[in-house]
Amino acid sequence: MFDHGFDPGYVFRHPVFLVTFIIAIPAWIIAFASQAAAEAKYSSADGRTPVVNTLWFNIWLQLAVIIHLL
């Protein structure tokens, strides 16, 4: 009755989903690159402890949500 297999046709048949993923994937790449640039540019007073390290969790969580929804 219910087939829980992967069917990419859902994404291509619904333009809202297609536009969402077309926007979400480049947005994640931009967020990832920006996080890496911020990590490289800013550091703590001792120069060893990263300042923005807790934001990496959000970057990977966002990727997991995009993949899960796809």
PDB file of N, CA and C in Angstrom:
ATOM      1  N   MET A   1       0.813  -1.180   0.000  1.00  0.00           N
ATOM      2  CA  MET A   1       0.000   0.000   0.000  1.00  0.00           C
ATOM      3  C   MET A   1       0.871   1.264   0.000  1.00  0.00           C
ATOM      4  N   PHE A   2       1.829   1.328   0.912  1.00  0.00           N
ATOM      5  CA  PHE A   2       2.730   2.463   0.977  1.00  0.00           C
ATOM      6  C   PHE A   2       4.125   2.003   0.601  1.00  0.00           C
ATOM      7  N   ASP A   3       4.687   2.642  -0.391  1.00  0.00           N
ATOM      8  CA  ASP A   3       6.060   2.347  -0.773  1.00  0.00           C
ATOM      9  C   ASP A   3       6.933   3.474  -0.242  1.00  0.00           C
ATOM     10  N   HIS A   4       7.826   3.167   0.689  1.00  0.00           N
ATOM     11  CA  HIS A   4       8.650   4.184   1.332  1.00  0.00           C
ATOM     12  C   HIS A   4       9.999   4.328   0.647  1.00  0.00           C
ATOM     13  N   GLY A   5      10.106   3.910  -0.596  1.00  0.00           N
ATOM     14  CA  GLY A   5      11.356   4.052  -1.318  1.00  0.00           C
ATOM     15  C   GLY A   5      11.584   5.486  -1.762  1.00  0.00           C
ATOM     16  N   PHE A   6      12.796   5.749  -2.205  1.00  0.00           N
ATOM     17  CA  PHE A   6      13.158   7.092  -2.653  1.00  0.00           C
ATOM     18  C   PHE A   6      12.582   7.325  -4.039  1.00  0.00           C
ATOM     19  N   ASP A   7      11.805   8.377  -4.194  1.00  0.00           N
ATOM     20  CA  ASP A   7      11.221   8.728  -5.475  1.00  0.00           C
ATOM     21  C   ASP A   7      11.492  10.201  -5.745  1.00  0.00           C
ATOM     22  N   PRO A   8      12.498  10.506  -6.571  1.00  0.00           N
ATOM     23  CA  PRO A   8      12.800  11.913  -6.838  1.00  0.00           C
ATOM     24  C   PRO A   8      11.719  12.605  -7.666  1.00  0.00           C
ATOM     25  N   GLY A   9      10.775  11.845  -8.155  1.00  0.00           N
ATOM     26  CA  GLY A   9       9.692  12.430  -8.930  1.00  0.00           C
ATOM     27  C   GLY A   9       8.857  13.410  -8.136  1.00  0.00           C
ATOM     28  N   TYR A  10       8.761  13.205  -6.829  1.00  0.00           N
ATOM     29  CA  TYR A  10       8.004  14.144  -5.987  1.00  0.00           C
ATOM     30  C   TYR A  10       8.582  15.549  -6.082  1.00  0.00           C
ATOM     31  N   VAL A  11       9.895  15.638  -6.072  1.00  0.00           N
ATOM     32  CA  VAL A  11      10.549  16.946  -6.123  1.00  0.00           C
ATOM     33  C   VAL A  11      10.322  17.590  -7.484  1.00  0.00           C
ATOM     34  N   PHE A  12      10.414  16.810  -8.554  1.00  0.00           N
ATOM     35  CA  PHE A  12      10.297  17.373  -9.894  1.00  0.00           C
ATOM     36  C   PHE A  12       8.848  17.639 -10.301  1.00  0.00           C
ATOM     37  N   ARG A  13       7.914  16.960  -9.689  1.00  0.00           N
ATOM     38  CA  ARG A  13       6.503  17.189 -10.016  1.00  0.00           C
ATOM     39  C   ARG A  13       5.923  18.396  -9.301  1.00  0.00           C
ATOM     40  N   HIS A  14       6.514  18.787  -8.195  1.00  0.00           N
ATOM     41  CA  HIS A  14       6.005  19.912  -7.418  1.00  0.00           C
ATOM     42  C   HIS A  14       6.991  21.073  -7.519  1.00  0.00           C
ATOM     43  N   PRO A  15       6.626  22.126  -8.231  1.00  0.00           N
ATOM     44  CA  PRO A  15       7.574  23.225  -8.437  1.00  0.00           C
ATOM     45  C   PRO A  15       8.010  23.924  -7.151  1.00  0.00           C
ATOM     46  N   VAL A  16       7.163  23.914  -6.135  1.00  0.00           N
ATOM     47  CA  VAL A  16       7.551  24.550  -4.865  1.00  0.00           C
ATOM     48  C   VAL A  16       8.732  23.808  -4.242  1.00  0.00           C
ATOM     49  N   PHE A  17       8.685  22.480  -4.247  1.00  0.00           N
ATOM     50  CA  PHE A  17       9.802  21.698  -3.704  1.00  0.00           C
ATOM     51  C   PHE A  17      11.056  21.896  -4.545  1.00  0.00           C
ATOM     52  N   LEU A  18      10.891  21.923  -5.854  1.00  0.00           N
ATOM     53  CA  LEU A  18      12.037  22.088  -6.741  1.00  0.00           C
ATOM     54  C   LEU A  18      12.718  23.433  -6.505  1.00  0.00           C
ATOM     55  N   VAL A  19      11.955  24.503  -6.422  1.00  0.00           N
ATOM     56  CA  VAL A  19      12.525  25.834  -6.181  1.00  0.00           C
ATOM     57  C   VAL A  19      13.168  25.899  -4.793  1.00  0.00           C
ATOM     58  N   THR A  20      12.540  25.249  -3.824  1.00  0.00           N
ATOM     59  CA  THR A  20      13.094  25.235  -2.475  1.00  0.00           C
ATOM     60  C   THR A  20      14.479  24.598  -2.449  1.00  0.00           C
ATOM     61  N   PHE A  21      14.632  23.470  -3.125  1.00  0.00           N
ATOM     62  CA  PHE A  21      15.933  22.805  -3.132  1.00  0.00           C
ATOM     63  C   PHE A  21      16.939  23.523  -4.012  1.00  0.00           C
ATOM     64  N   ILE A  22      16.467  24.177  -5.079  1.00  0.00           N
ATOM     65  CA  ILE A  22      17.374  24.964  -5.909  1.00  0.00           C
ATOM     66  C   ILE A  22      17.943  26.133  -5.110  1.00  0.00           C
ATOM     67  N   ILE A  23      17.173  26.678  -4.201  1.00  0.00           N
ATOM     68  CA  ILE A  23      17.652  27.771  -3.354  1.00  0.00           C
ATOM     69  C   ILE A  23      18.431  27.243  -2.147  1.00  0.00           C
ATOM     70  N   ALA A  24      17.999  26.135  -1.559  1.00  0.00           N
ATOM     71  CA  ALA A  24      18.589  25.644  -0.312  1.00  0.00           C
ATOM     72  C   ALA A  24      20.017  25.131  -0.492  1.00  0.00           C
ATOM     73  N   ILE A  25      20.286  24.446  -1.577  1.00  0.00           N
ATOM     74  CA  ILE A  25      21.615  23.854  -1.739  1.00  0.00           C
ATOM     75  C   ILE A  25      22.698  24.919  -1.935  1.00  0.00           C
ATOM     76  N   PRO A  26      22.530  25.896  -2.836  1.00  0.00           N
ATOM     77  CA  PRO A  26      23.546  26.957  -2.902  1.00  0.00           C
ATOM     78  C   PRO A  26      23.621  27.793  -1.617  1.00  0.00           C
ATOM     79  N   ALA A  27      22.496  27.970  -0.943  1.00  0.00           N
ATOM     80  CA  ALA A  27      22.514  28.718   0.314  1.00  0.00           C
ATOM     81  C   ALA A  27      23.350  27.994   1.359  1.00  0.00           C
ATOM     82  N   TRP A  28      23.267  26.662   1.384  1.00  0.00           N
ATOM     83  CA  TRP A  28      24.084  25.908   2.332  1.00  0.00           C
ATOM     84  C   TRP A  28      25.563  26.040   1.986  1.00  0.00           C
ATOM     85  N   ILE A  29      25.882  26.004   0.712  1.00  0.00           N
ATOM     86  CA  ILE A  29      27.280  26.142   0.292  1.00  0.00           C
ATOM     87  C   ILE A  29      27.812  27.522   0.687  1.00  0.00           C
ATOM     88  N   ILE A  30      27.011  28.556   0.499  1.00  0.00           N
ATOM     89  CA  ILE A  30      27.425  29.909   0.896  1.00  0.00           C
ATOM     90  C   ILE A  30      27.603  29.993   2.412  1.00  0.00           C
ATOM     91  N   ALA A  31      26.689  29.401   3.165  1.00  0.00           N
ATOM     92  CA  ALA A  31      26.802  29.418   4.628  1.00  0.00           C
ATOM     93  C   ALA A  31      28.047  28.666   5.091  1.00  0.00           C
ATOM     94  N   PHE A  32      28.339  27.551   4.449  1.00  0.00           N
ATOM     95  CA  PHE A  32      29.525  26.769   4.802  1.00  0.00           C
ATOM     96  C   PHE A  32      30.802  27.559   4.523  1.00  0.00           C
ATOM     97  N   ALA A  33      30.873  28.172   3.340  1.00  0.00           N
ATOM     98  CA  ALA A  33      32.058  28.958   2.986  1.00  0.00           C
ATOM     99  C   ALA A  33      32.206  30.172   3.894  1.00  0.00           C
ATOM    100  N   SER A  34      31.100  30.799   4.226  1.00  0.00           N
ATOM    101  CA  SER A  34      31.154  31.963   5.121  1.00  0.00           C
ATOM    102  C   SER A  34      31.615  31.571   6.516  1.00  0.00           C
ATOM    103  N   GLN A  35      31.157  30.428   6.977  1.00  0.00           N
ATOM    104  CA  GLN A  35      31.588  29.944   8.291  1.00  0.00           C
ATOM    105  C   GLN A  35      33.082  29.644   8.292  1.00  0.00           C
ATOM    106  N   ALA A  36      33.552  29.034   7.220  1.00  0.00           N
ATOM    107  CA  ALA A  36      34.983  28.740   7.129  1.00  0.00           C
ATOM    108  C   ALA A  36      35.797  30.027   7.069  1.00  0.00           C
ATOM    109  N   ALA A  37      35.317  31.030   6.329  1.00  0.00           N
ATOM    110  CA  ALA A  37      36.030  32.307   6.249  1.00  0.00           C
ATOM    111  C   ALA A  37      36.033  33.027   7.594  1.00  0.00           C
ATOM    112  N   ALA A  38      34.905  32.999   8.294  1.00  0.00           N
ATOM    113  CA  ALA A  38      34.848  33.632   9.613  1.00  0.00           C
ATOM    114  C   ALA A  38      35.765  32.924  10.593  1.00  0.00           C
ATOM    115  N   GLU A  39      35.827  31.609  10.497  1.00  0.00           N
ATOM    116  CA  GLU A  39      36.708  30.833  11.380  1.00  0.00           C
ATOM    117  C   GLU A  39      38.170  31.178  11.109  1.00  0.00           C
ATOM    118  N   ALA A  40      38.510  31.391   9.842  1.00  0.00           N
ATOM    119  CA  ALA A  40      39.893  31.706   9.493  1.00  0.00           C
ATOM    120  C   ALA A  40      40.266  33.138   9.879  1.00  0.00           C
ATOM    121  N   LYS A  41      39.307  34.039   9.807  1.00  0.00           N
ATOM    122  CA  LYS A  41      39.616  35.452  10.052  1.00  0.00           C
ATOM    123  C   LYS A  41      39.642  35.819  11.531  1.00  0.00           C
ATOM    124  N   TYR A  42      38.713  35.288  12.286  1.00  0.00           N
ATOM    125  CA  TYR A  42      38.587  35.678  13.683  1.00  0.00           C
ATOM    126  C   TYR A  42      39.071  34.568  14.599  1.00  0.00           C
ATOM    127  N   SER A  43      39.778  34.959  15.636  1.00  0.00           N
ATOM    128  CA  SER A  43      40.234  34.001  16.643  1.00  0.00           C
ATOM    129  C   SER A  43      40.182  34.671  18.000  1.00  0.00           C
ATOM    130  N   SER A  44      40.346  33.877  19.025  1.00  0.00           N
ATOM    131  CA  SER A  44      40.297  34.414  20.380  1.00  0.00           C
ATOM    132  C   SER A  44      41.616  35.123  20.700  1.00  0.00           C
ATOM    133  N   ALA A  45      41.703  35.624  21.908  1.00  0.00           N
ATOM    134  CA  ALA A  45      42.893  36.385  22.321  1.00  0.00           C
ATOM    135  C   ALA A  45      44.154  35.528  22.294  1.00  0.00           C
ATOM    136  N   ASP A  46      44.026  34.239  22.620  1.00  0.00           N
ATOM    137  CA  ASP A  46      45.221  33.396  22.608  1.00  0.00           C
ATOM    138  C   ASP A  46      45.550  32.887  21.199  1.00  0.00           C
ATOM    139  N   GLY A  47      44.650  33.091  20.230  1.00  0.00           N
ATOM    140  CA  GLY A  47      44.917  32.705  18.856  1.00  0.00           C
ATOM    141  C   GLY A  47      44.704  31.244  18.549  1.00  0.00           C
ATOM    142  N   ARG A  48      44.317  30.454  19.527  1.00  0.00           N
ATOM    143  CA  ARG A  48      44.164  29.013  19.316  1.00  0.00           C
ATOM    144  C   ARG A  48      42.722  28.558  19.431  1.00  0.00           C
ATOM    145  N   THR A  49      41.944  29.224  20.273  1.00  0.00           N
ATOM    146  CA  THR A  49      40.561  28.817  20.498  1.00  0.00           C
ATOM    147  C   THR A  49      39.664  29.468  19.452  1.00  0.00           C
ATOM    148  N   PRO A  50      38.899  28.675  18.710  1.00  0.00           N
ATOM    149  CA  PRO A  50      38.012  29.290  17.717  1.00  0.00           C
ATOM    150  C   PRO A  50      36.887  30.073  18.374  1.00  0.00           C
ATOM    151  N   VAL A  51      36.508  31.168  17.754  1.00  0.00           N
ATOM    152  CA  VAL A  51      35.481  32.041  18.307  1.00  0.00           C
ATOM    153  C   VAL A  51      34.089  31.567  17.905  1.00  0.00           C
ATOM    154  N   VAL A  52      33.930  31.088  16.697  1.00  0.00           N
ATOM    155  CA  VAL A  52      32.609  30.759  16.159  1.00  0.00           C
ATOM    156  C   VAL A  52      32.422  29.245  16.004  1.00  0.00           C
ATOM    157  N   ASN A  53      32.994  28.472  16.877  1.00  0.00           N
ATOM    158  CA  ASN A  53      32.963  27.016  16.706  1.00  0.00           C
ATOM    159  C   ASN A  53      31.582  26.408  16.922  1.00  0.00           C
ATOM    160  N   THR A  54      30.724  27.022  17.725  1.00  0.00           N
ATOM    161  CA  THR A  54      29.411  26.416  17.972  1.00  0.00           C
ATOM    162  C   THR A  54      28.488  26.543  16.772  1.00  0.00           C
ATOM    163  N   LEU A  55      28.790  27.418  15.840  1.00  0.00           N
ATOM    164  CA  LEU A  55      27.951  27.559  14.660  1.00  0.00           C
ATOM    165  C   LEU A  55      28.144  26.414  13.664  1.00  0.00           C
ATOM    166  N   TRP A  56      29.229  25.667  13.775  1.00  0.00           N
ATOM    167  CA  TRP A  56      29.431  24.525  12.879  1.00  0.00           C
ATOM    168  C   TRP A  56      28.318  23.497  13.051  1.00  0.00           C
ATOM    169  N   PHE A  57      27.843  23.339  14.265  1.00  0.00           N
ATOM    170  CA  PHE A  57      26.738  22.399  14.492  1.00  0.00           C
ATOM    171  C   PHE A  57      25.523  22.793  13.665  1.00  0.00           C
ATOM    172  N   ASN A  58      25.220  24.081  13.607  1.00  0.00           N
ATOM    173  CA  ASN A  58      24.075  24.548  12.833  1.00  0.00           C
ATOM    174  C   ASN A  58      24.263  24.326  11.338  1.00  0.00           C
ATOM    175  N   ILE A  59      25.482  24.497  10.849  1.00  0.00           N
ATOM    176  CA  ILE A  59      25.754  24.270   9.433  1.00  0.00           C
ATOM    177  C   ILE A  59      25.493  22.804   9.077  1.00  0.00           C
ATOM    178  N   TRP A  60      25.995  21.890   9.895  1.00  0.00           N
ATOM    179  CA  TRP A  60      25.808  20.453   9.597  1.00  0.00           C
ATOM    180  C   TRP A  60      24.368  20.020   9.840  1.00  0.00           C
ATOM    181  N   LEU A  61      23.701  20.634  10.800  1.00  0.00           N
ATOM    182  CA  LEU A  61      22.291  20.331  11.028  1.00  0.00           C
ATOM    183  C   LEU A  61      21.447  20.786   9.840  1.00  0.00           C
ATOM    184  N   GLN A  62      21.755  21.934   9.310  1.00  0.00           N
ATOM    185  CA  GLN A  62      21.043  22.423   8.131  1.00  0.00           C
ATOM    186  C   GLN A  62      21.235  21.473   6.952  1.00  0.00           C
ATOM    187  N   LEU A  63      22.446  20.978   6.743  1.00  0.00           N
ATOM    188  CA  LEU A  63      22.688  20.011   5.669  1.00  0.00           C
ATOM    189  C   LEU A  63      21.900  18.732   5.892  1.00  0.00           C
ATOM    190  N   ALA A  64      21.846  18.264   7.126  1.00  0.00           N
ATOM    191  CA  ALA A  64      21.084  17.049   7.428  1.00  0.00           C
ATOM    192  C   ALA A  64      19.595  17.238   7.138  1.00  0.00           C
ATOM    193  N   VAL A  65      19.060  18.392   7.450  1.00  0.00           N
ATOM    194  CA  VAL A  65      17.640  18.662   7.178  1.00  0.00           C
ATOM    195  C   VAL A  65      17.398  18.718   5.672  1.00  0.00           C
ATOM    196  N   ILE A  66      18.282  19.352   4.922  1.00  0.00           N
ATOM    197  CA  ILE A  66      18.111  19.420   3.472  1.00  0.00           C
ATOM    198  C   ILE A  66      18.153  18.031   2.864  1.00  0.00           C
ATOM    199  N   ILE A  67      19.102  17.212   3.278  1.00  0.00           N
ATOM    200  CA  ILE A  67      19.203  15.851   2.742  1.00  0.00           C
ATOM    201  C   ILE A  67      18.002  15.030   3.150  1.00  0.00           C
ATOM    202  N   HIS A  68      17.564  15.168   4.374  1.00  0.00           N
ATOM    203  CA  HIS A  68      16.411  14.397   4.840  1.00  0.00           C
ATOM    204  C   HIS A  68      15.154  14.762   4.047  1.00  0.00           C
ATOM    205  N   LEU A  69      14.944  16.038   3.804  1.00  0.00           N
ATOM    206  CA  LEU A  69      13.757  16.456   3.067  1.00  0.00           C
ATOM    207  C   LEU A  69      13.834  16.070   1.596  1.00  0.00           C
ATOM    208  N   LEU A  70      15.040  16.024   1.060  1.00  0.00           N
ATOM    209  CA  LEU A  70      15.191  15.614  -0.327  1.00  0.00           C
ATOM    210  C   LEU A  70      14.897  14.139  -0.495  1.00  0.00           C
TER     211      LEU A  70
END
